[in-house]
Protein backbone atom coordinates (compact mmCIF):
# COMPACT_ATOMS: atom_id res chain seq x y z
CA MET A 1 0.00 0.00 0.00
CA GLU A 2 2.86 2.38 0.68
CA TYR A 3 3.98 2.20 -2.96
CA VAL A 4 0.66 3.46 -4.29
CA TYR A 5 1.61 7.13 -3.89
CA ALA A 6 4.95 6.71 -5.65
CA GLY A 7 3.36 4.61 -8.40
CA ALA A 8 0.57 7.13 -8.94
CA GLY A 9 3.13 9.95 -8.95
CA LEU A 10 5.22 8.16 -11.54
CA LEU A 11 2.22 7.58 -13.82
CA ALA A 12 0.99 11.15 -13.40
CA GLY A 13 4.47 12.50 -14.12
CA LEU A 14 4.83 10.39 -17.25
CA LEU A 15 1.39 11.50 -18.44
CA LEU A 16 2.22 15.18 -17.88
CA GLY A 17 5.53 14.73 -19.71
CA ALA A 18 3.70 13.13 -22.63
CA ILE A 19 1.22 16.02 -22.73
CA ALA A 20 4.11 18.51 -22.90
CA VAL A 21 5.84 16.64 -25.71
CA VAL A 22 2.66 16.20 -27.75
CA THR A 23 1.83 19.88 -27.29
CA ALA A 24 5.31 20.85 -28.46
CA LEU A 25 5.08 18.46 -31.40
CA THR A 26 1.82 19.89 -32.65
CA TYR A 27 2.06 23.64 -32.11
CA THR A 28 4.66 26.38 -32.28
CA PRO A 29 3.88 29.72 -30.60
CA TYR A 30 4.42 32.53 -33.11
CA GLY A 31 3.87 35.68 -31.13
CA ALA A 32 2.62 37.32 -28.00
CA SER A 33 -1.05 36.48 -28.41
CA LEU A 34 -3.08 35.17 -25.51
CA PHE A 35 -3.45 31.77 -27.18
CA ASP A 36 0.31 31.41 -27.79
CA THR A 37 1.01 32.42 -24.20
CA ALA A 38 -1.47 29.84 -22.94
CA ILE A 39 0.07 27.06 -25.08
CA THR A 40 3.56 27.97 -23.87
CA ALA A 41 2.35 27.99 -20.26
CA VAL A 42 0.64 24.60 -20.61
CA THR A 43 3.78 23.11 -22.18
CA GLY A 44 6.09 24.53 -19.51
CA ILE A 45 3.91 23.68 -16.53
CA THR A 46 3.16 20.13 -17.65
CA LEU A 47 6.82 19.52 -18.48
CA GLN A 48 8.10 20.78 -15.13
CA LEU A 49 5.43 19.10 -13.01
CA GLY A 50 5.82 15.88 -14.97
CA ASN A 51 9.57 15.86 -14.41
CA LEU A 52 9.14 16.66 -10.71
CA LEU A 53 6.62 13.87 -10.13
CA SER A 54 8.48 11.28 -12.20
CA ILE A 55 11.87 11.92 -10.66
CA SER A 56 10.47 12.08 -7.13
CA ALA A 57 8.73 8.73 -7.62
CA LEU A 58 11.78 7.11 -9.18
CA THR A 59 13.95 8.41 -6.34
CA ALA A 60 11.52 7.01 -3.79
CA PHE A 61 11.61 3.61 -5.49
CA ALA A 62 15.41 3.63 -5.79
CA PHE A 63 16.08 4.56 -2.18
CA GLU A 64 13.42 2.14 -0.96
CA ALA A 65 15.17 -0.63 -2.90
CA LEU A 66 18.44 0.38 -1.26
CA ALA A 67 16.75 0.30 2.16
CA ILE A 68 15.41 -3.19 1.46
CA GLY A 69 18.96 -4.19 0.54
CA GLY A 70 20.20 -2.94 3.89
CA ILE A 71 21.65 0.42 2.82
CA GLN A 72 19.95 3.25 4.68
CA TYR A 73 20.43 6.99 4.22
CA PRO A 74 19.08 9.98 6.13
CA ILE A 75 16.09 11.62 4.42
CA VAL A 76 18.28 14.56 3.36
CA VAL A 77 20.22 12.38 0.87
CA PRO A 78 17.26 11.27 -1.31
CA ALA A 79 15.72 14.74 -1.04
CA ALA A 80 18.93 16.44 -2.22
CA PHE A 81 19.37 13.82 -4.95
CA ALA A 82 15.81 14.30 -6.25
CA TYR A 83 16.09 18.10 -6.03
CA THR A 84 19.31 18.20 -8.03
CA LEU A 85 18.20 15.64 -10.60
CA THR A 86 14.86 17.40 -11.08
CA HIS A 87 16.51 20.76 -11.76
CA VAL A 88 19.01 19.31 -14.22
CA THR A 89 16.29 17.36 -16.03
CA VAL A 90 13.94 20.34 -16.20
CA TYR A 91 16.74 22.52 -17.57
CA TYR A 92 17.68 20.12 -20.36
CA SER A 93 14.12 19.12 -21.20
CA CYS A 94 13.10 22.79 -21.51
CA ILE A 95 15.96 23.32 -23.96
CA ARG A 96 14.91 20.28 -25.99
CA ILE A 97 11.24 21.25 -25.95
CA THR A 98 12.19 24.69 -27.27
CA ASP A 99 14.15 23.03 -30.10
CA LEU A 100 11.19 20.81 -30.83
CA GLN A 101 8.75 23.75 -30.87
CA SER A 102 10.86 25.53 -33.47
CA GLU A 103 9.64 23.01 -36.07
CA PRO A 104 6.41 21.29 -35.04
CA LEU A 105 5.60 17.85 -36.43
CA ASN A 106 9.29 17.34 -37.30
CA PRO A 107 10.75 15.00 -34.67
CA ASP A 108 14.00 14.79 -36.65
CA ILE A 109 15.00 18.06 -34.98
CA ILE A 110 15.67 16.12 -31.78
CA ILE A 111 16.63 12.65 -32.97
CA GLN A 112 18.56 13.27 -36.18
CA HIS A 113 21.94 13.54 -34.46
CA ASN A 114 21.51 11.18 -31.52
CA PRO A 115 18.36 9.21 -30.61
CA PHE A 116 19.32 9.28 -26.92
CA ARG A 117 18.81 13.04 -26.83
CA ALA A 118 15.08 12.36 -26.95
CA LEU A 119 15.30 10.65 -23.56
CA VAL A 120 15.44 13.99 -21.75
CA LEU A 121 11.91 14.67 -22.91
CA GLY A 122 10.55 11.83 -20.80
CA VAL A 123 9.78 8.21 -21.48
CA PRO A 124 6.42 8.62 -23.27
CA GLY A 125 7.76 11.48 -25.34
CA SER A 126 10.86 9.54 -26.28
CA LEU A 127 8.84 6.54 -27.37
CA LEU A 128 6.57 8.81 -29.38
CA LEU A 129 9.51 10.52 -31.07
CA ILE A 130 11.37 7.31 -31.82
CA ARG A 131 8.27 5.65 -33.31
CA VAL A 132 7.53 8.66 -35.54
CA ARG A 133 11.09 8.55 -36.88
CA PRO A 134 11.06 8.10 -40.68
CA PRO A 135 12.57 4.89 -42.08
CA SER A 136 16.19 5.12 -43.21
CA ARG A 137 16.84 5.32 -46.91
CA ARG A 138 18.77 2.53 -48.56
CA ASN A 139 21.02 2.97 -51.55
């Protein structure tokens, strides 16, 4: 029963990350209109909350697994780990989302150089981007 909160947080975080990626894939804000501002806000908020929830849940699972294995840490260690990892992930995912929004419906912007770069967008977003990838051309 104690894992329900972390599991629900992980699922909610992955869903919010997927919403952010799909929003960035389908629409590029062009100006300072109210609609563009709202789309940008939805993308940013869902991306940041999704990363926060996902990383917090994964940290809880990881440190619980360590505790089951006999390695215990004070609560400050997982909190500092999750805080740092969340900020780094949000920073890089915001940069990648901005790149993706520059050309909507063109996932090659992110995955043309290195498919692992898509991983910073979140698991559902990465799977979406990798599946949309066009087939390679043969000579």
